[in-house]
Amino acid sequence: MKMLICLVALATALTTKAQNTEAYQNFIPAGYQQNIMGFTIGTAGWSFQPLTDVSVTALGSFDYLVNGYGPIAVGLWTADGTLLATHTITSGSTLANECRYEAISAIQLSSDQTYFVGAYVISGDLMGFSVIDPDQGTVIMAPEIQLGMAARSSAAGFNFTDSIESPAGYVFLAPNFEFQPVPEPSTFWLVGAGSLALLATRRRR
């Protein structure tokens, strides 16, 4: 019976669903915070680098955009402009903190590679979005995600955000995403080895 309980516990450890974590989490102003706005008729967002392998599970838009402009298209691109995933965010999408999210088929991103996430107003209207200036405070990202720079598309419409707005630390508060860290292979190896050891002990008995 103890053997069965141990095996069930090991199986549960392997299959337990991890909690989603938001990439952009908060902003801490330094003294007086200037209200900066940006405007575009294209896609706006930011670049980032995962510090460990992560699995993106949902794409999102800041709620103020959805409320102000209606449905928002959000996309995730590689550094060379390959679109990895996209989803439409609406007022019915799941609200978490300041953003609304839609689940996607998990996309694994590799550590230290650069990716871009961007949002676009589907109606094609001129989009006004908040801009976080690193001179005005500190952006708080998830520990696994390193913020790159603010970015927008050089063309109108829903496009790869290929125009970089430096310096580092700027972020256009239009898109966001949720993710889960990818477990190290050693974790699965240890659990698997433990299961085999328990089975071998059972057989000897």
N, C-alpha and C. Protein backbone atom coordinates (compact mmCIF):
# COMPACT_ATOMS: atom_id res chain seq x y z
N MET A 1 0.82 -1.21 0.00
CA MET A 1 0.00 0.00 0.00
C MET A 1 0.86 1.26 0.00
N LYS A 2 1.95 1.23 0.83
CA LYS A 2 2.85 2.37 0.86
C LYS A 2 3.47 2.61 -0.51
N MET A 3 3.78 1.47 -1.19
CA MET A 3 4.38 1.58 -2.53
C MET A 3 3.43 2.30 -3.48
N LEU A 4 2.15 1.95 -3.42
CA LEU A 4 1.16 2.55 -4.30
C LEU A 4 1.03 4.05 -4.02
N ILE A 5 1.04 4.41 -2.73
CA ILE A 5 0.93 5.82 -2.36
C ILE A 5 2.11 6.61 -2.89
N CYS A 6 3.31 6.05 -2.78
CA CYS A 6 4.52 6.72 -3.28
C CYS A 6 4.45 6.94 -4.78
N LEU A 7 4.00 5.90 -5.51
CA LEU A 7 3.93 6.02 -6.96
C LEU A 7 2.88 7.06 -7.37
N VAL A 8 1.76 7.08 -6.66
CA VAL A 8 0.73 8.08 -6.96
C VAL A 8 1.27 9.49 -6.71
N ALA A 9 2.02 9.66 -5.61
CA ALA A 9 2.60 10.97 -5.29
C ALA A 9 3.59 11.40 -6.37
N LEU A 10 4.39 10.46 -6.87
CA LEU A 10 5.35 10.79 -7.92
C LEU A 10 4.63 11.17 -9.21
N ALA A 11 3.59 10.42 -9.55
CA ALA A 11 2.84 10.73 -10.76
C ALA A 11 2.18 12.10 -10.65
N THR A 12 1.69 12.42 -9.46
CA THR A 12 1.06 13.72 -9.25
C THR A 12 2.06 14.85 -9.42
N ALA A 13 3.28 14.64 -8.93
CA ALA A 13 4.32 15.67 -9.06
C ALA A 13 4.64 15.95 -10.52
N LEU A 14 4.54 14.91 -11.34
CA LEU A 14 4.83 15.10 -12.76
C LEU A 14 3.70 15.78 -13.51
N THR A 15 2.48 15.56 -13.09
CA THR A 15 1.33 16.01 -13.87
C THR A 15 0.63 17.24 -13.30
N THR A 16 1.03 17.67 -12.08
CA THR A 16 0.39 18.83 -11.49
C THR A 16 0.58 20.05 -12.39
N LYS A 17 -0.51 20.76 -12.65
CA LYS A 17 -0.45 21.93 -13.53
C LYS A 17 0.12 23.12 -12.78
N ALA A 18 1.16 23.71 -13.34
CA ALA A 18 1.78 24.87 -12.72
C ALA A 18 0.89 26.10 -12.92
N GLN A 19 1.05 27.07 -12.04
CA GLN A 19 0.30 28.31 -12.14
C GLN A 19 0.92 29.20 -13.22
N ASN A 20 0.05 29.89 -13.94
CA ASN A 20 0.54 30.85 -14.93
C ASN A 20 1.11 32.07 -14.23
N THR A 21 2.14 32.64 -14.82
CA THR A 21 2.78 33.85 -14.30
C THR A 21 2.75 34.92 -15.37
N GLU A 22 2.39 36.16 -14.99
CA GLU A 22 2.40 37.26 -15.93
C GLU A 22 3.84 37.73 -16.18
N ALA A 23 4.16 38.07 -17.42
CA ALA A 23 5.50 38.54 -17.75
C ALA A 23 5.73 39.94 -17.16
N TYR A 24 4.94 40.94 -17.61
CA TYR A 24 5.00 42.27 -17.01
C TYR A 24 4.12 42.26 -15.78
N GLN A 25 4.66 42.71 -14.64
CA GLN A 25 3.92 42.60 -13.40
C GLN A 25 3.56 43.93 -12.74
N ASN A 26 4.46 44.93 -12.82
CA ASN A 26 4.16 46.16 -12.10
C ASN A 26 5.16 47.25 -12.50
N PHE A 27 4.87 48.45 -12.01
CA PHE A 27 5.75 49.59 -12.22
C PHE A 27 5.84 50.38 -10.94
N ILE A 28 7.06 50.69 -10.51
CA ILE A 28 7.27 51.48 -9.30
C ILE A 28 7.79 52.85 -9.70
N PRO A 29 6.99 53.90 -9.57
CA PRO A 29 7.43 55.23 -9.97
C PRO A 29 8.51 55.77 -9.05
N ALA A 30 9.39 56.61 -9.61
CA ALA A 30 10.44 57.25 -8.82
C ALA A 30 10.08 58.73 -8.71
N GLY A 31 9.54 59.11 -7.55
CA GLY A 31 9.14 60.50 -7.37
C GLY A 31 7.95 60.82 -8.25
N TYR A 32 8.01 61.95 -8.94
CA TYR A 32 6.91 62.37 -9.80
C TYR A 32 6.91 61.55 -11.08
N GLN A 33 5.81 60.92 -11.36
CA GLN A 33 5.67 60.10 -12.57
C GLN A 33 4.97 60.89 -13.66
N GLN A 34 5.68 61.14 -14.71
CA GLN A 34 5.09 61.85 -15.85
C GLN A 34 4.19 60.89 -16.62
N ASN A 35 3.01 61.36 -17.00
CA ASN A 35 2.09 60.53 -17.76
C ASN A 35 2.46 60.62 -19.24
N ILE A 36 3.11 59.59 -19.75
CA ILE A 36 3.58 59.58 -21.13
C ILE A 36 2.65 58.71 -21.96
N MET A 37 2.26 59.19 -23.11
CA MET A 37 1.41 58.42 -24.02
C MET A 37 2.09 58.28 -25.37
N GLY A 38 1.86 57.13 -26.00
CA GLY A 38 2.31 56.92 -27.37
C GLY A 38 1.11 56.68 -28.26
N PHE A 39 1.28 56.88 -29.55
CA PHE A 39 0.18 56.70 -30.49
C PHE A 39 0.70 55.97 -31.73
N THR A 40 -0.12 55.06 -32.26
CA THR A 40 0.27 54.33 -33.46
C THR A 40 -0.96 53.78 -34.16
N ILE A 41 -0.84 53.54 -35.45
CA ILE A 41 -1.90 52.84 -36.19
C ILE A 41 -1.41 51.43 -36.55
N GLY A 42 -0.33 51.04 -35.89
CA GLY A 42 0.21 49.71 -36.11
C GLY A 42 0.25 48.92 -34.81
N THR A 43 1.19 48.01 -34.71
CA THR A 43 1.35 47.13 -33.56
C THR A 43 2.38 47.71 -32.61
N ALA A 44 2.10 47.68 -31.32
CA ALA A 44 3.02 48.21 -30.32
C ALA A 44 3.22 47.21 -29.20
N GLY A 45 4.43 47.17 -28.66
CA GLY A 45 4.71 46.26 -27.55
C GLY A 45 6.13 46.37 -27.07
N TRP A 46 6.80 45.23 -26.91
CA TRP A 46 8.16 45.25 -26.36
C TRP A 46 8.87 43.94 -26.67
N SER A 47 10.19 44.01 -26.59
CA SER A 47 11.02 42.82 -26.77
C SER A 47 11.41 42.28 -25.40
N PHE A 48 11.81 41.01 -25.37
CA PHE A 48 12.21 40.40 -24.10
C PHE A 48 13.07 39.18 -24.38
N GLN A 49 13.77 38.75 -23.31
CA GLN A 49 14.58 37.53 -23.38
C GLN A 49 14.26 36.67 -22.16
N PRO A 50 13.81 35.43 -22.36
CA PRO A 50 13.64 34.53 -21.21
C PRO A 50 15.01 34.19 -20.61
N LEU A 51 15.10 34.17 -19.30
CA LEU A 51 16.35 33.82 -18.63
C LEU A 51 16.45 32.32 -18.38
N THR A 52 15.35 31.63 -18.60
CA THR A 52 15.30 30.17 -18.57
C THR A 52 14.25 29.76 -19.60
N ASP A 53 14.24 28.52 -20.01
CA ASP A 53 13.22 28.09 -20.96
C ASP A 53 11.84 28.24 -20.33
N VAL A 54 10.91 28.83 -21.09
CA VAL A 54 9.55 29.04 -20.59
C VAL A 54 8.55 28.57 -21.63
N SER A 55 7.34 28.31 -21.17
CA SER A 55 6.25 27.90 -22.04
C SER A 55 5.16 28.96 -21.95
N VAL A 56 4.94 29.70 -23.04
CA VAL A 56 3.91 30.74 -23.07
C VAL A 56 2.55 30.06 -23.20
N THR A 57 1.64 30.37 -22.27
CA THR A 57 0.35 29.69 -22.21
C THR A 57 -0.83 30.59 -22.55
N ALA A 58 -0.62 31.91 -22.55
CA ALA A 58 -1.71 32.84 -22.85
C ALA A 58 -1.15 34.16 -23.35
N LEU A 59 -1.89 34.79 -24.26
CA LEU A 59 -1.55 36.13 -24.73
C LEU A 59 -2.59 37.09 -24.19
N GLY A 60 -2.17 38.34 -23.93
CA GLY A 60 -3.10 39.28 -23.34
C GLY A 60 -2.88 40.71 -23.77
N SER A 61 -3.85 41.53 -23.44
CA SER A 61 -3.80 42.97 -23.69
C SER A 61 -4.16 43.69 -22.41
N PHE A 62 -3.58 44.87 -22.21
CA PHE A 62 -3.98 45.68 -21.06
C PHE A 62 -5.45 46.05 -21.22
N ASP A 63 -6.16 45.96 -20.11
CA ASP A 63 -7.61 46.12 -20.14
C ASP A 63 -8.04 47.50 -20.62
N TYR A 64 -7.26 48.53 -20.33
CA TYR A 64 -7.66 49.87 -20.75
C TYR A 64 -7.75 49.98 -22.27
N LEU A 65 -6.95 49.19 -22.99
CA LEU A 65 -7.04 49.20 -24.45
C LEU A 65 -8.32 48.52 -24.92
N VAL A 66 -8.63 47.38 -24.32
CA VAL A 66 -9.84 46.65 -24.69
C VAL A 66 -11.07 47.51 -24.42
N ASN A 67 -11.10 48.17 -23.28
CA ASN A 67 -12.23 49.03 -22.93
C ASN A 67 -12.34 50.24 -23.85
N GLY A 68 -11.19 50.75 -24.28
CA GLY A 68 -11.20 51.97 -25.08
C GLY A 68 -11.34 51.76 -26.57
N TYR A 69 -10.89 50.59 -27.06
CA TYR A 69 -10.83 50.41 -28.51
C TYR A 69 -11.54 49.16 -29.02
N GLY A 70 -12.00 48.31 -28.13
CA GLY A 70 -12.63 47.08 -28.58
C GLY A 70 -11.62 45.96 -28.73
N PRO A 71 -11.91 44.94 -29.54
CA PRO A 71 -11.03 43.77 -29.66
C PRO A 71 -9.61 44.15 -30.07
N ILE A 72 -8.65 43.49 -29.43
CA ILE A 72 -7.23 43.73 -29.66
C ILE A 72 -6.57 42.44 -30.14
N ALA A 73 -5.83 42.51 -31.22
CA ALA A 73 -5.04 41.35 -31.68
C ALA A 73 -3.67 41.40 -31.01
N VAL A 74 -3.26 40.29 -30.44
CA VAL A 74 -1.95 40.21 -29.80
C VAL A 74 -1.14 39.11 -30.47
N GLY A 75 0.14 39.38 -30.74
CA GLY A 75 1.00 38.40 -31.39
C GLY A 75 2.32 38.23 -30.67
N LEU A 76 2.93 37.07 -30.87
CA LEU A 76 4.24 36.74 -30.32
C LEU A 76 5.14 36.35 -31.48
N TRP A 77 6.29 37.05 -31.61
CA TRP A 77 7.20 36.84 -32.73
C TRP A 77 8.61 36.49 -32.26
N THR A 78 9.34 35.79 -33.11
CA THR A 78 10.78 35.61 -32.90
C THR A 78 11.49 36.88 -33.36
N ALA A 79 12.79 36.95 -33.09
CA ALA A 79 13.56 38.14 -33.44
C ALA A 79 13.64 38.37 -34.95
N ASP A 80 13.46 37.31 -35.75
CA ASP A 80 13.50 37.47 -37.21
C ASP A 80 12.13 37.71 -37.81
N GLY A 81 11.12 37.87 -36.98
CA GLY A 81 9.79 38.21 -37.47
C GLY A 81 8.85 37.05 -37.71
N THR A 82 9.22 35.85 -37.29
CA THR A 82 8.33 34.70 -37.44
C THR A 82 7.23 34.76 -36.38
N LEU A 83 5.98 34.72 -36.82
CA LEU A 83 4.84 34.77 -35.90
C LEU A 83 4.65 33.39 -35.27
N LEU A 84 4.78 33.32 -33.94
CA LEU A 84 4.65 32.06 -33.22
C LEU A 84 3.22 31.79 -32.77
N ALA A 85 2.51 32.85 -32.39
CA ALA A 85 1.15 32.68 -31.88
C ALA A 85 0.42 34.02 -31.94
N THR A 86 -0.90 33.95 -32.06
CA THR A 86 -1.72 35.16 -32.04
C THR A 86 -3.08 34.82 -31.45
N HIS A 87 -3.73 35.82 -30.87
CA HIS A 87 -5.08 35.65 -30.35
C HIS A 87 -5.77 37.00 -30.28
N THR A 88 -7.09 36.99 -30.32
CA THR A 88 -7.88 38.20 -30.18
C THR A 88 -8.37 38.32 -28.74
N ILE A 89 -8.12 39.48 -28.15
CA ILE A 89 -8.52 39.74 -26.77
C ILE A 89 -9.74 40.65 -26.78
N THR A 90 -10.78 40.27 -26.04
CA THR A 90 -12.02 41.04 -25.99
C THR A 90 -12.40 41.33 -24.53
N SER A 91 -13.49 42.05 -24.36
CA SER A 91 -13.97 42.36 -23.01
C SER A 91 -14.41 41.10 -22.27
N GLY A 92 -14.62 40.01 -22.98
CA GLY A 92 -15.00 38.75 -22.35
C GLY A 92 -13.81 37.88 -21.99
N SER A 93 -12.60 38.29 -22.36
CA SER A 93 -11.40 37.52 -22.03
C SER A 93 -11.13 37.58 -20.53
N THR A 94 -10.42 36.60 -20.03
CA THR A 94 -10.16 36.49 -18.60
C THR A 94 -9.32 37.65 -18.09
N LEU A 95 -9.82 38.32 -17.04
CA LEU A 95 -9.12 39.46 -16.46
C LEU A 95 -8.23 38.98 -15.32
N ALA A 96 -6.95 39.36 -15.39
CA ALA A 96 -6.00 39.09 -14.31
C ALA A 96 -5.18 40.35 -14.09
N ASN A 97 -5.34 40.95 -12.92
CA ASN A 97 -4.69 42.22 -12.61
C ASN A 97 -5.11 43.27 -13.65
N GLU A 98 -4.17 43.82 -14.41
CA GLU A 98 -4.49 44.90 -15.34
C GLU A 98 -4.77 44.41 -16.76
N CYS A 99 -4.64 43.12 -17.01
CA CYS A 99 -4.71 42.60 -18.38
C CYS A 99 -5.80 41.54 -18.53
N ARG A 100 -6.26 41.39 -19.77
CA ARG A 100 -7.17 40.31 -20.14
C ARG A 100 -6.40 39.31 -21.01
N TYR A 101 -6.69 38.02 -20.80
CA TYR A 101 -5.91 36.96 -21.46
C TYR A 101 -6.81 35.94 -22.16
N GLU A 102 -6.23 35.35 -23.21
CA GLU A 102 -6.80 34.19 -23.87
C GLU A 102 -5.73 33.11 -23.93
N ALA A 103 -6.11 31.88 -23.57
CA ALA A 103 -5.17 30.76 -23.59
C ALA A 103 -4.80 30.41 -25.02
N ILE A 104 -3.56 29.98 -25.21
CA ILE A 104 -3.08 29.50 -26.51
C ILE A 104 -2.46 28.12 -26.31
N SER A 105 -2.26 27.40 -27.40
CA SER A 105 -1.48 26.17 -27.33
C SER A 105 -0.07 26.55 -26.89
N ALA A 106 0.45 25.88 -25.89
CA ALA A 106 1.72 26.28 -25.29
C ALA A 106 2.83 26.39 -26.33
N ILE A 107 3.58 27.50 -26.24
CA ILE A 107 4.72 27.75 -27.12
C ILE A 107 5.96 27.82 -26.25
N GLN A 108 6.93 26.94 -26.49
CA GLN A 108 8.15 26.96 -25.69
C GLN A 108 9.15 27.94 -26.27
N LEU A 109 9.67 28.82 -25.40
CA LEU A 109 10.67 29.80 -25.78
C LEU A 109 12.00 29.45 -25.12
N SER A 110 13.08 29.62 -25.87
CA SER A 110 14.41 29.25 -25.38
C SER A 110 15.06 30.41 -24.62
N SER A 111 15.82 30.06 -23.63
CA SER A 111 16.48 31.07 -22.81
C SER A 111 17.48 31.87 -23.64
N ASP A 112 17.59 33.15 -23.31
CA ASP A 112 18.54 34.10 -23.90
C ASP A 112 18.29 34.38 -25.38
N GLN A 113 17.16 33.95 -25.92
CA GLN A 113 16.76 34.34 -27.27
C GLN A 113 15.83 35.55 -27.16
N THR A 114 15.83 36.39 -28.19
CA THR A 114 15.00 37.59 -28.16
C THR A 114 13.67 37.32 -28.86
N TYR A 115 12.59 37.78 -28.24
CA TYR A 115 11.25 37.65 -28.79
C TYR A 115 10.54 38.99 -28.67
N PHE A 116 9.46 39.13 -29.43
CA PHE A 116 8.67 40.36 -29.42
C PHE A 116 7.20 40.01 -29.20
N VAL A 117 6.53 40.83 -28.40
CA VAL A 117 5.10 40.70 -28.19
C VAL A 117 4.47 42.05 -28.51
N GLY A 118 3.36 42.03 -29.26
CA GLY A 118 2.75 43.28 -29.69
C GLY A 118 1.24 43.20 -29.74
N ALA A 119 0.59 44.37 -29.62
CA ALA A 119 -0.87 44.46 -29.65
C ALA A 119 -1.31 45.44 -30.73
N TYR A 120 -2.47 45.15 -31.32
CA TYR A 120 -2.99 45.97 -32.42
C TYR A 120 -4.51 46.11 -32.29
N VAL A 121 -4.99 47.34 -32.49
CA VAL A 121 -6.43 47.59 -32.47
C VAL A 121 -7.04 47.07 -33.77
N ILE A 122 -7.90 46.06 -33.68
CA ILE A 122 -8.43 45.40 -34.87
C ILE A 122 -9.24 46.35 -35.74
N SER A 123 -9.89 47.34 -35.13
CA SER A 123 -10.68 48.30 -35.91
C SER A 123 -9.82 49.18 -36.81
N GLY A 124 -8.51 49.20 -36.54
CA GLY A 124 -7.62 50.04 -37.34
C GLY A 124 -7.52 51.48 -36.86
N ASP A 125 -8.20 51.79 -35.75
CA ASP A 125 -8.15 53.15 -35.21
C ASP A 125 -6.75 53.48 -34.68
N LEU A 126 -6.45 54.77 -34.59
CA LEU A 126 -5.22 55.21 -33.96
C LEU A 126 -5.25 54.79 -32.50
N MET A 127 -4.24 54.04 -32.07
CA MET A 127 -4.21 53.53 -30.70
C MET A 127 -3.34 54.41 -29.82
N GLY A 128 -3.89 54.84 -28.69
CA GLY A 128 -3.12 55.55 -27.69
C GLY A 128 -2.79 54.61 -26.55
N PHE A 129 -1.53 54.52 -26.18
CA PHE A 129 -1.13 53.58 -25.14
C PHE A 129 -0.17 54.24 -24.17
N SER A 130 -0.12 53.72 -22.96
CA SER A 130 0.80 54.23 -21.94
C SER A 130 2.22 53.78 -22.23
N VAL A 131 3.16 54.67 -21.96
CA VAL A 131 4.58 54.38 -22.15
C VAL A 131 5.28 54.45 -20.79
N ILE A 132 6.01 53.40 -20.45
CA ILE A 132 6.79 53.41 -19.22
C ILE A 132 8.21 53.83 -19.55
N ASP A 133 8.64 54.94 -18.95
CA ASP A 133 9.96 55.52 -19.16
C ASP A 133 10.86 55.11 -18.00
N PRO A 134 12.01 54.44 -18.26
CA PRO A 134 12.88 54.00 -17.17
C PRO A 134 13.41 55.16 -16.33
N ASP A 135 13.41 56.38 -16.86
CA ASP A 135 13.85 57.54 -16.07
C ASP A 135 12.83 57.92 -15.00
N GLN A 136 11.60 57.41 -15.14
CA GLN A 136 10.52 57.77 -14.22
C GLN A 136 10.25 56.70 -13.16
N GLY A 137 10.95 55.56 -13.24
CA GLY A 137 10.71 54.50 -12.27
C GLY A 137 11.27 53.17 -12.73
N THR A 138 10.78 52.10 -12.13
CA THR A 138 11.32 50.77 -12.38
C THR A 138 10.21 49.83 -12.83
N VAL A 139 10.46 49.14 -13.93
CA VAL A 139 9.54 48.12 -14.42
C VAL A 139 9.81 46.82 -13.68
N ILE A 140 8.76 46.17 -13.18
CA ILE A 140 8.89 44.89 -12.50
C ILE A 140 8.43 43.79 -13.45
N MET A 141 9.36 42.94 -13.86
CA MET A 141 9.05 41.80 -14.70
C MET A 141 9.12 40.53 -13.85
N ALA A 142 8.54 39.45 -14.36
CA ALA A 142 8.72 38.16 -13.71
C ALA A 142 10.22 37.84 -13.68
N PRO A 143 10.71 37.16 -12.65
CA PRO A 143 12.15 36.88 -12.55
C PRO A 143 12.71 36.12 -13.75
N GLU A 144 11.85 35.37 -14.44
CA GLU A 144 12.32 34.57 -15.59
C GLU A 144 12.39 35.37 -16.89
N ILE A 145 11.87 36.61 -16.87
CA ILE A 145 11.76 37.40 -18.10
C ILE A 145 12.57 38.69 -17.97
N GLN A 146 13.46 38.92 -18.92
CA GLN A 146 14.23 40.17 -18.95
C GLN A 146 13.67 41.08 -20.03
N LEU A 147 13.21 42.26 -19.62
CA LEU A 147 12.66 43.22 -20.57
C LEU A 147 13.75 43.75 -21.48
N GLY A 148 13.43 43.85 -22.77
CA GLY A 148 14.37 44.43 -23.72
C GLY A 148 14.06 45.90 -23.92
N MET A 149 13.41 46.23 -25.04
CA MET A 149 13.07 47.61 -25.35
C MET A 149 11.65 47.70 -25.88
N ALA A 150 11.09 48.90 -25.83
CA ALA A 150 9.79 49.13 -26.44
C ALA A 150 9.93 48.98 -27.96
N ALA A 151 8.87 48.54 -28.61
CA ALA A 151 8.95 48.32 -30.05
C ALA A 151 7.58 48.52 -30.67
N ARG A 152 7.57 48.94 -31.93
CA ARG A 152 6.32 49.06 -32.68
C ARG A 152 6.60 48.68 -34.12
N SER A 153 5.54 48.42 -34.88
CA SER A 153 5.72 48.06 -36.28
C SER A 153 5.97 49.31 -37.11
N SER A 154 6.81 49.18 -38.11
CA SER A 154 7.11 50.31 -38.98
C SER A 154 6.01 50.51 -40.02
N ALA A 155 5.09 49.55 -40.11
CA ALA A 155 3.97 49.64 -41.05
C ALA A 155 2.66 49.61 -40.28
N ALA A 156 1.63 50.19 -40.87
CA ALA A 156 0.31 50.15 -40.23
C ALA A 156 -0.23 48.72 -40.27
N GLY A 157 -1.15 48.43 -39.35
CA GLY A 157 -1.76 47.12 -39.33
C GLY A 157 -1.10 46.20 -38.32
N PHE A 158 -1.54 44.94 -38.34
CA PHE A 158 -1.03 43.94 -37.41
C PHE A 158 0.24 43.35 -38.00
N ASN A 159 1.39 43.80 -37.51
CA ASN A 159 2.68 43.41 -38.07
C ASN A 159 3.71 43.20 -36.98
N PHE A 160 4.78 42.53 -37.36
CA PHE A 160 5.94 42.35 -36.49
C PHE A 160 6.45 43.71 -36.00
N THR A 161 6.75 43.80 -34.72
CA THR A 161 7.20 45.06 -34.13
C THR A 161 8.70 45.24 -34.39
N ASP A 162 9.02 45.74 -35.58
CA ASP A 162 10.41 45.80 -36.03
C ASP A 162 11.10 47.13 -35.78
N SER A 163 10.38 48.12 -35.26
CA SER A 163 10.97 49.42 -35.00
C SER A 163 11.24 49.55 -33.50
N ILE A 164 12.53 49.59 -33.13
CA ILE A 164 12.92 49.57 -31.72
C ILE A 164 12.99 50.99 -31.17
N GLU A 165 12.43 51.16 -29.98
CA GLU A 165 12.45 52.45 -29.29
C GLU A 165 13.39 52.33 -28.09
N SER A 166 14.61 52.84 -28.22
CA SER A 166 15.58 52.75 -27.14
C SER A 166 15.43 53.96 -26.22
N PRO A 167 16.03 53.94 -25.04
CA PRO A 167 16.96 52.95 -24.52
C PRO A 167 16.24 51.76 -23.90
N ALA A 168 17.04 50.82 -23.41
CA ALA A 168 16.47 49.65 -22.75
C ALA A 168 15.66 50.07 -21.54
N GLY A 169 14.59 49.34 -21.28
CA GLY A 169 13.75 49.62 -20.12
C GLY A 169 12.45 50.31 -20.46
N TYR A 170 12.36 50.89 -21.67
CA TYR A 170 11.08 51.43 -22.12
C TYR A 170 10.13 50.27 -22.40
N VAL A 171 8.86 50.47 -22.15
CA VAL A 171 7.87 49.45 -22.50
C VAL A 171 6.56 50.13 -22.88
N PHE A 172 5.98 49.70 -23.97
CA PHE A 172 4.66 50.17 -24.38
C PHE A 172 3.63 49.25 -23.72
N LEU A 173 2.83 49.77 -22.82
CA LEU A 173 1.87 48.95 -22.10
C LEU A 173 0.65 48.65 -22.97
N ALA A 174 0.86 47.79 -23.93
CA ALA A 174 -0.21 47.33 -24.82
C ALA A 174 -0.42 45.82 -24.66
N PRO A 175 0.59 44.97 -24.94
CA PRO A 175 0.40 43.53 -24.77
C PRO A 175 1.01 43.03 -23.46
N ASN A 176 0.68 41.81 -23.12
CA ASN A 176 1.32 41.08 -22.03
C ASN A 176 1.16 39.59 -22.35
N PHE A 177 1.79 38.73 -21.58
CA PHE A 177 1.58 37.29 -21.77
C PHE A 177 1.78 36.56 -20.46
N GLU A 178 1.21 35.37 -20.40
CA GLU A 178 1.39 34.49 -19.25
C GLU A 178 2.23 33.29 -19.67
N PHE A 179 2.97 32.74 -18.72
CA PHE A 179 3.88 31.64 -19.04
C PHE A 179 4.05 30.75 -17.82
N GLN A 180 4.71 29.61 -18.08
CA GLN A 180 5.14 28.70 -17.02
C GLN A 180 6.59 28.32 -17.30
N PRO A 181 7.45 28.30 -16.28
CA PRO A 181 8.82 27.82 -16.49
C PRO A 181 8.80 26.37 -16.93
N VAL A 182 9.72 26.01 -17.81
CA VAL A 182 9.84 24.62 -18.26
C VAL A 182 10.73 23.87 -17.26
N PRO A 183 10.23 22.78 -16.66
CA PRO A 183 11.04 22.04 -15.68
C PRO A 183 12.34 21.55 -16.30
N GLU A 184 13.40 21.55 -15.49
CA GLU A 184 14.69 21.02 -15.95
C GLU A 184 14.55 19.52 -16.22
N PRO A 185 15.22 19.02 -17.27
CA PRO A 185 15.17 17.57 -17.54
C PRO A 185 15.58 16.74 -16.34
N SER A 186 16.49 17.26 -15.52
CA SER A 186 16.96 16.50 -14.36
C SER A 186 15.83 16.22 -13.38
N THR A 187 14.84 17.13 -13.32
CA THR A 187 13.71 16.92 -12.42
C THR A 187 12.93 15.68 -12.82
N PHE A 188 12.64 15.55 -14.13
CA PHE A 188 11.92 14.38 -14.61
C PHE A 188 12.77 13.12 -14.44
N TRP A 189 14.10 13.25 -14.64
CA TRP A 189 14.97 12.09 -14.50
C TRP A 189 14.96 11.58 -13.07
N LEU A 190 15.02 12.52 -12.11
CA LEU A 190 15.03 12.11 -10.70
C LEU A 190 13.73 11.42 -10.30
N VAL A 191 12.60 11.98 -10.75
CA VAL A 191 11.33 11.36 -10.42
C VAL A 191 11.21 9.99 -11.07
N GLY A 192 11.63 9.90 -12.32
CA GLY A 192 11.58 8.61 -13.02
C GLY A 192 12.48 7.59 -12.36
N ALA A 193 13.68 8.02 -11.96
CA ALA A 193 14.61 7.11 -11.30
C ALA A 193 14.05 6.65 -9.96
N GLY A 194 13.38 7.55 -9.25
CA GLY A 194 12.77 7.18 -7.99
C GLY A 194 11.68 6.13 -8.18
N SER A 195 10.89 6.29 -9.25
CA SER A 195 9.82 5.33 -9.53
C SER A 195 10.40 3.95 -9.82
N LEU A 196 11.47 3.91 -10.63
CA LEU A 196 12.10 2.64 -10.97
C LEU A 196 12.69 1.97 -9.73
N ALA A 197 13.29 2.79 -8.85
CA ALA A 197 13.88 2.23 -7.63
C ALA A 197 12.81 1.62 -6.74
N LEU A 198 11.66 2.29 -6.63
CA LEU A 198 10.57 1.76 -5.82
C LEU A 198 10.04 0.45 -6.39
N LEU A 199 9.91 0.40 -7.73
CA LEU A 199 9.43 -0.82 -8.36
C LEU A 199 10.41 -1.97 -8.16
N ALA A 200 11.71 -1.65 -8.25
CA ALA A 200 12.71 -2.70 -8.08
C ALA A 200 12.69 -3.23 -6.65
N THR A 201 12.53 -2.33 -5.69
CA THR A 201 12.44 -2.76 -4.27
C THR A 201 11.23 -3.67 -4.05
N ARG A 202 10.13 -3.30 -4.68
CA ARG A 202 8.90 -4.10 -4.55
C ARG A 202 9.10 -5.51 -5.09
N ARG A 203 9.78 -5.59 -6.25
CA ARG A 203 9.98 -6.91 -6.87
C ARG A 203 10.86 -7.80 -6.00
N ARG A 204 11.92 -7.20 -5.40
CA ARG A 204 12.82 -7.99 -4.55
C ARG A 204 12.06 -8.56 -3.34
N ARG A 205 11.11 -7.76 -2.83
CA ARG A 205 10.34 -8.24 -1.69
C ARG A 205 9.39 -9.36 -2.10
